[in-house]
């Protein structure tokens, strides 16, 4: 069974290596360089590029942002992966981007099957597209348990010169509006009033024009310049040394199609505080503290203080987190996606 794996134009292969798991000797990887796809003319060139590379097997578009391809390529035996639609988040995009993404959603209904990365993503698809439920398959992402596992470590403290007496709050992710970083900064400010010996470490790029400047101004206005560390971007295989050297992981996002970082943190034995919005309750289960209001900085500050000062609670969260993480494996993910391939391949 041949598979055309159509991967978004970007540096490197995959989101969390998920696409690389699907590559075999029978896989035809179709991926252009990012510079080839900016602007309308380039997009037309990109469509021609994809069409020229297609074989005769199953066509798997691995990101719903490329859903528009289904208008320009043969749709028989096709699959598109939907990472979550997050309609409220679209308010932050330009009119042009909204128009293109709206077209992607319409084209999604042309696919033979739609792969949803979570039950929440499936709910989005049913709400905002015309894809019927019997053509949607939920196969959730997994983790490499050989990489994401508990280990003793002091990487953060050693690398960034954080005093031994300080507790370390970790956030891994971008500064996109939906990630809600300003609320995290405000909550950290509140926490620091009660617990002076605490440091916030932010891992990842800004991911959104102008957000880093906004966050830095907020940090300066609150006098937190020496207390918040921007660690930059780390590849997946290096993230565990960060998770394994922090005291609590905080992820106040209000819109996630799946939400990989909280799961990674759980697998490394790190207590997690997140929200009860979109897919996050599905991912963390009862292993994390889930806040009902993502924008309540006091609520978040109180939760951080509770985890950092109550060792019994922390140990209970670690135990539950390790159990929850075992539900998400690479084996389950690849087996689930290959099952979709087989069913699509054998469909009339």
Protein backbone atom coordinates (compact mmCIF):
# COMPACT_ATOMS: atom_id res chain seq x y z
CA UNK A 1 0.00 0.00 0.00
CA UNK A 2 1.59 3.26 -1.16
CA UNK A 3 1.02 6.49 0.77
CA UNK A 4 1.57 10.09 -0.37
CA UNK A 5 2.37 11.93 2.86
CA UNK A 6 1.77 15.64 2.24
CA UNK A 7 3.56 17.56 4.99
CA UNK A 8 3.25 21.34 5.54
CA UNK A 9 6.18 23.40 4.22
CA UNK A 10 8.42 24.02 7.22
CA UNK A 11 11.91 23.33 8.44
CA UNK A 12 12.27 19.81 9.73
CA UNK A 13 9.79 17.00 9.43
CA UNK A 14 7.20 17.01 12.06
CA UNK A 15 5.13 18.31 14.93
CA UNK A 16 6.48 16.14 17.72
CA UNK A 17 7.87 13.72 15.12
CA UNK A 18 4.37 12.37 14.47
CA UNK A 19 4.64 12.54 10.72
CA UNK A 20 8.04 10.85 10.75
CA UNK A 21 6.42 7.85 12.47
CA UNK A 22 4.28 7.30 9.38
CA UNK A 23 7.20 7.11 6.96
CA UNK A 24 8.10 3.69 5.58
CA UNK A 25 9.56 2.29 2.38
CA UNK A 26 6.12 2.67 0.80
CA UNK A 27 5.78 6.34 1.74
CA UNK A 28 6.19 9.16 -0.73
CA UNK A 29 6.98 12.27 1.34
CA UNK A 30 5.80 15.49 -0.31
CA UNK A 31 7.17 18.58 1.42
CA UNK A 32 8.24 21.92 -0.05
CA UNK A 33 10.53 24.54 1.46
CA UNK A 34 8.68 27.29 3.43
CA UNK A 35 9.95 30.04 1.10
CA UNK A 36 8.11 28.38 -1.78
CA UNK A 37 4.65 28.97 -0.34
CA UNK A 38 4.37 32.64 0.63
CA UNK A 39 1.88 34.67 -1.43
CA UNK A 40 -0.82 33.69 -3.88
CA UNK A 41 1.49 33.01 -6.83
CA UNK A 42 3.70 30.84 -4.66
CA UNK A 43 0.65 28.95 -3.41
CA UNK A 44 -0.32 28.17 -6.99
CA UNK A 45 3.22 26.96 -7.59
CA UNK A 46 2.94 24.87 -4.44
CA UNK A 47 -0.28 23.26 -5.68
CA UNK A 48 1.48 22.40 -8.94
CA UNK A 49 4.41 21.03 -6.92
CA UNK A 50 2.14 18.71 -4.91
CA UNK A 51 0.25 17.55 -8.00
CA UNK A 52 3.53 16.72 -9.74
CA UNK A 53 4.67 14.55 -6.83
CA UNK A 54 1.48 12.55 -6.28
CA UNK A 55 1.52 8.81 -6.79
CA UNK A 56 -1.42 6.44 -7.02
CA UNK A 57 -1.72 5.50 -3.36
CA UNK A 58 -3.49 6.89 -0.31
CA UNK A 59 -3.13 10.68 -0.09
CA UNK A 60 -2.63 11.91 3.49
CA UNK A 61 -2.63 15.68 4.07
CA UNK A 62 -1.18 15.94 7.57
CA UNK A 63 -2.49 19.41 8.47
CA UNK A 64 -5.95 20.95 8.01
CA UNK A 65 -4.25 24.21 7.02
CA UNK A 66 -3.50 22.49 3.70
CA UNK A 67 -7.11 21.42 3.26
CA UNK A 68 -7.43 23.66 0.20
CA UNK A 69 -5.33 21.10 -1.70
CA UNK A 70 -8.40 18.86 -1.81
CA UNK A 71 -9.92 21.27 -4.31
CA UNK A 72 -6.99 20.85 -6.68
CA UNK A 73 -5.94 17.21 -6.38
CA UNK A 74 -7.86 13.94 -6.89
CA UNK A 75 -9.81 13.27 -3.68
CA UNK A 76 -10.35 9.53 -3.96
CA UNK A 77 -8.54 7.63 -1.21
CA UNK A 78 -7.66 10.86 0.64
CA UNK A 79 -7.19 11.66 4.31
CA UNK A 80 -6.73 15.01 6.03
CA UNK A 81 -5.57 15.38 9.63
CA UNK A 82 -7.42 18.04 11.64
CA UNK A 83 -5.54 19.41 14.65
CA UNK A 84 -8.56 21.36 15.91
CA UNK A 85 -10.39 24.29 14.39
CA UNK A 86 -10.47 26.76 17.30
CA UNK A 87 -12.88 29.23 15.70
CA UNK A 88 -12.66 31.88 18.50
CA UNK A 89 -8.91 32.05 17.93
CA UNK A 90 -9.45 33.05 14.29
CA UNK A 91 -10.39 36.55 15.47
CA UNK A 92 -6.66 37.25 15.73
CA UNK A 93 -6.04 36.51 12.04
CA UNK A 94 -6.25 38.77 9.01
CA UNK A 95 -9.29 38.75 6.73
CA UNK A 96 -7.22 37.03 4.03
CA UNK A 97 -6.11 34.25 6.39
CA UNK A 98 -9.66 33.74 7.61
CA UNK A 99 -10.86 33.46 4.02
CA UNK A 100 -8.21 30.87 3.14
CA UNK A 101 -8.86 28.84 6.27
CA UNK A 102 -12.61 28.95 5.67
CA UNK A 103 -11.94 27.52 2.23
CA UNK A 104 -9.78 24.79 3.83
CA UNK A 105 -12.68 23.81 6.09
CA UNK A 106 -15.07 23.60 3.14
CA UNK A 107 -12.61 21.46 1.21
CA UNK A 108 -12.17 19.11 4.18
CA UNK A 109 -15.53 17.55 3.35
CA UNK A 110 -14.03 16.32 0.06
CA UNK A 111 -11.68 13.91 1.88
CA UNK A 112 -12.50 10.21 2.05
CA UNK A 113 -11.76 10.32 5.78
CA UNK A 114 -10.78 12.96 8.31
CA UNK A 115 -8.32 12.11 11.07
CA UNK A 116 -9.05 14.05 14.27
CA UNK A 117 -6.23 14.25 16.84
CA UNK A 118 -8.65 14.37 19.77
CA UNK A 119 -12.32 13.99 20.59
CA UNK A 120 -12.46 17.77 20.90
CA UNK A 121 -11.08 18.13 17.39
CA UNK A 122 -13.83 15.76 16.18
CA UNK A 123 -16.40 17.94 17.90
CA UNK A 124 -14.95 20.96 16.08
CA UNK A 125 -15.18 19.17 12.74
CA UNK A 126 -18.82 18.21 13.31
CA UNK A 127 -19.64 21.77 14.40
CA UNK A 128 -17.89 23.76 11.70
CA UNK A 129 -17.79 21.50 8.63
CA UNK A 130 -20.13 19.23 6.71
CA UNK A 131 -18.05 16.10 7.32
CA UNK A 132 -20.37 13.37 8.72
CA UNK A 133 -19.41 11.56 11.92
CA UNK A 134 -18.90 8.22 10.16
CA UNK A 135 -16.05 9.71 8.12
CA UNK A 136 -14.15 11.05 11.14
CA UNK A 137 -11.60 8.87 12.95
CA UNK A 138 -10.13 9.93 16.29
CA UNK A 139 -6.52 8.85 16.68
CA UNK A 140 -4.72 10.75 19.41
CA UNK A 141 -1.05 11.62 19.40
CA UNK A 142 1.35 9.64 21.56
CA UNK A 143 4.72 10.04 23.22
CA UNK A 144 8.06 8.33 22.94
CA UNK A 145 8.30 6.81 26.40
CA UNK A 146 12.02 6.22 25.92
CA UNK A 147 12.58 9.98 25.77
CA UNK A 148 9.77 11.41 27.91
CA UNK A 149 10.25 9.76 31.27
CA UNK A 150 11.23 10.78 34.81
CA UNK A 151 14.91 11.41 35.46
CA UNK A 152 16.79 13.25 38.15
CA UNK A 153 18.24 16.46 36.80
CA UNK A 154 19.21 20.04 37.51
CA UNK A 155 19.68 21.27 33.94
CA UNK A 156 17.63 24.45 34.31
CA UNK A 157 19.26 25.44 37.57
CA UNK A 158 22.77 24.72 36.29
CA UNK A 159 22.30 26.31 32.86
CA UNK A 160 20.64 29.53 33.93
CA UNK A 161 22.28 30.00 37.33
CA UNK A 162 19.07 29.74 39.36
CA UNK A 163 19.70 29.66 43.14
CA UNK A 164 19.18 26.33 44.87
CA UNK A 165 16.53 27.85 47.14
CA UNK A 166 14.32 28.91 44.21
CA UNK A 167 11.36 26.89 42.98
CA UNK A 168 11.12 26.63 39.18
CA UNK A 169 7.88 27.20 37.26
CA UNK A 170 8.12 25.96 33.67
CA UNK A 171 6.10 26.87 30.58
CA UNK A 172 6.77 25.29 27.17
CA UNK A 173 5.06 26.86 24.18
CA UNK A 174 4.76 29.94 22.03
CA UNK A 175 3.32 33.35 22.86
CA UNK A 176 0.38 33.03 20.47
CA UNK A 177 -2.66 34.79 21.98
CA UNK A 178 -4.48 31.51 22.73
CA UNK A 179 -1.54 30.37 24.86
CA UNK A 180 -2.49 33.08 27.35
CA UNK A 181 1.06 34.00 28.41
CA UNK A 182 0.12 37.47 29.78
CA UNK A 183 -2.15 35.78 32.33
CA UNK A 184 0.74 33.48 33.30
CA UNK A 185 3.01 36.50 33.84
CA UNK A 186 0.38 38.23 35.97
CA UNK A 187 -0.16 35.05 38.00
CA UNK A 188 3.57 34.64 38.49
CA UNK A 189 3.74 38.23 39.77
CA UNK A 190 1.04 37.40 42.31
CA UNK A 191 2.85 34.20 43.30
CA UNK A 192 6.14 36.00 43.79
CA UNK A 193 4.54 38.33 46.31
CA UNK A 194 3.85 35.27 48.47
CA UNK A 195 6.91 33.21 47.48
CA UNK A 196 9.89 35.47 46.67
CA UNK A 197 12.19 32.54 45.86
CA UNK A 198 10.62 31.42 42.60
CA UNK A 199 11.70 31.64 38.94
CA UNK A 200 9.64 31.35 35.77
CA UNK A 201 11.29 29.67 32.76
CA UNK A 202 9.66 30.07 29.34
CA UNK A 203 10.76 27.64 26.59
CA UNK A 204 9.92 28.15 22.91
CA UNK A 205 9.83 30.87 20.27
CA UNK A 206 7.44 33.83 20.33
CA UNK A 207 5.35 32.37 17.50
CA UNK A 208 3.33 35.53 16.95
CA UNK A 209 4.24 39.00 15.64
CA UNK A 210 4.57 41.58 18.39
CA UNK A 211 3.80 39.27 21.30
CA UNK A 212 7.35 39.04 22.64
CA UNK A 213 7.52 42.84 22.84
CA UNK A 214 4.19 42.94 24.66
CA UNK A 215 5.24 40.26 27.14
CA UNK A 216 8.60 41.94 27.79
CA UNK A 217 6.86 45.26 28.50
CA UNK A 218 4.53 43.49 30.92
CA UNK A 219 7.49 41.84 32.67
CA UNK A 220 9.28 45.19 32.95
CA UNK A 221 6.18 46.96 34.28
CA UNK A 222 5.89 44.32 37.02
CA UNK A 223 9.60 44.41 37.86
CA UNK A 224 10.16 40.77 36.95
CA UNK A 225 13.14 41.18 34.62
CA UNK A 226 15.41 39.08 36.85
CA UNK A 227 12.76 36.48 37.59
CA UNK A 228 11.58 35.41 34.13
CA UNK A 229 13.97 33.50 31.85
CA UNK A 230 13.42 33.06 28.12
CA UNK A 231 15.25 29.82 27.42
CA UNK A 232 14.61 29.78 23.67
CA UNK A 233 13.71 26.84 21.46
CA UNK A 234 14.70 23.23 22.21
CA UNK A 235 14.30 20.15 19.98
CA UNK A 236 11.95 17.44 21.24
CA UNK A 237 14.67 15.09 22.40
CA UNK A 238 16.10 17.79 24.69
CA UNK A 239 12.84 18.88 26.30
CA UNK A 240 12.88 16.12 28.98
CA UNK A 241 15.92 17.67 30.69
CA UNK A 242 13.83 20.82 31.17
CA UNK A 243 10.73 18.99 32.39
CA UNK A 244 12.87 16.93 34.75
CA UNK A 245 14.48 19.93 36.40
CA UNK A 246 11.40 22.05 37.17
CA UNK A 247 8.98 21.98 40.11
CA UNK A 248 5.68 22.62 38.33
CA UNK A 249 4.51 22.95 34.73
CA UNK A 250 1.94 25.62 33.90
CA UNK A 251 -0.05 25.71 30.65
CA UNK A 252 -2.90 28.29 30.78
CA UNK A 253 -3.96 27.91 27.13
CA UNK A 254 -7.65 28.32 26.31
CA UNK A 255 -7.61 26.71 22.87
CA UNK A 256 -5.83 23.45 22.00
CA UNK A 257 -6.67 20.82 19.42
CA UNK A 258 -4.54 18.39 21.41
CA UNK A 259 -2.04 20.05 23.74
CA UNK A 260 1.25 18.13 23.62
CA UNK A 261 3.38 19.95 26.27
CA UNK A 262 1.15 19.08 29.27
CA UNK A 263 1.31 15.42 28.26
CA UNK A 264 5.10 15.57 27.92
CA UNK A 265 5.32 17.10 31.39
CA UNK A 266 3.10 14.39 32.92
CA UNK A 267 5.26 11.68 31.33
CA UNK A 268 8.35 13.21 32.93
CA UNK A 269 6.79 13.20 36.40
CA UNK A 270 6.14 16.94 36.59
CA UNK A 271 2.92 18.26 38.20
CA UNK A 272 0.76 20.11 35.68
CA UNK A 273 -1.58 23.08 36.03
CA UNK A 274 -3.70 23.83 32.98
CA UNK A 275 -7.28 24.79 32.10
CA UNK A 276 -10.48 22.86 31.50
CA UNK A 277 -10.88 24.29 28.00
CA UNK A 278 -11.12 22.49 24.64
CA UNK A 279 -9.05 19.28 24.46
CA UNK A 280 -6.99 19.77 27.61
CA UNK A 281 -9.24 17.83 30.05
CA UNK A 282 -9.19 14.91 27.62
CA UNK A 283 -5.38 14.92 27.56
CA UNK A 284 -4.55 15.38 31.25
CA UNK A 285 -7.53 13.52 32.74
CA UNK A 286 -7.64 13.77 36.53
CA UNK A 287 -3.86 14.01 36.78
CA UNK A 288 -3.63 17.81 36.59
CA UNK A 289 -5.18 20.85 38.19
CA UNK A 290 -7.63 22.23 35.61
CA UNK A 291 -8.66 25.85 36.06
CA UNK A 292 -12.18 26.89 35.04
CA UNK A 293 -11.24 30.46 34.14
CA UNK A 294 -8.07 30.73 32.03
CA UNK A 295 -7.90 34.50 32.59
CA UNK A 296 -8.12 34.49 36.39
CA UNK A 297 -4.52 35.18 37.41
CA UNK A 298 -5.32 34.85 41.12
CA UNK A 299 -6.76 31.39 40.57
CA UNK A 300 -3.61 30.37 38.69
CA UNK A 301 -1.30 31.91 41.30
CA UNK A 302 -3.11 30.08 44.10
CA UNK A 303 -2.83 26.78 42.22
CA UNK A 304 0.93 27.25 41.71
CA UNK A 305 1.42 28.07 45.39
CA UNK A 306 -0.58 24.99 46.40
CA UNK A 307 1.54 22.63 44.30
CA UNK A 308 4.83 24.24 45.33
CA UNK A 309 4.08 24.12 49.05
CA UNK A 310 2.13 20.87 49.44
CA UNK A 311 4.45 17.92 48.86
CA UNK A 312 1.68 15.37 49.43
CA UNK A 313 -0.38 16.95 46.66
CA UNK A 314 2.66 17.14 44.40
CA UNK A 315 3.48 13.45 44.84
CA UNK A 316 -0.13 12.45 44.20
CA UNK A 317 -0.17 14.51 40.99
CA UNK A 318 3.09 12.94 39.84
CA UNK A 319 1.72 9.43 40.39
CA UNK A 320 -1.50 10.18 38.52
CA UNK A 321 0.40 11.97 35.76
CA UNK A 322 2.67 9.03 35.02
CA UNK A 323 -0.38 6.74 34.80
CA UNK A 324 -2.22 9.16 32.51
CA UNK A 325 0.75 9.54 30.16
CA UNK A 326 0.86 5.79 29.55
CA UNK A 327 -2.47 6.08 27.73
CA UNK A 328 -0.73 7.98 24.92
CA UNK A 329 1.85 5.91 23.06
CA UNK A 330 3.52 6.05 19.66
CA UNK A 331 2.36 2.49 19.06
CA UNK A 332 -1.32 3.39 19.52
CA UNK A 333 -0.93 6.40 17.25
CA UNK A 334 0.77 4.62 14.35
CA UNK A 335 -1.53 1.61 14.62
CA UNK A 336 -4.57 3.88 14.52
CA UNK A 337 -3.41 5.90 11.51
CA UNK A 338 -2.38 2.81 9.56
CA UNK A 339 -5.82 1.34 10.20
CA UNK A 340 -7.31 4.42 8.51
CA UNK A 341 -4.89 3.94 5.60
CA UNK A 342 -6.01 0.34 5.14
CA UNK A 343 -9.69 1.20 5.29
CA UNK A 344 -9.27 4.07 2.81
CA UNK A 345 -7.14 1.94 0.51
CA UNK A 346 -9.76 -0.81 0.49
CA UNK A 347 -12.70 1.58 0.07
CA UNK A 348 -14.55 1.71 -3.24
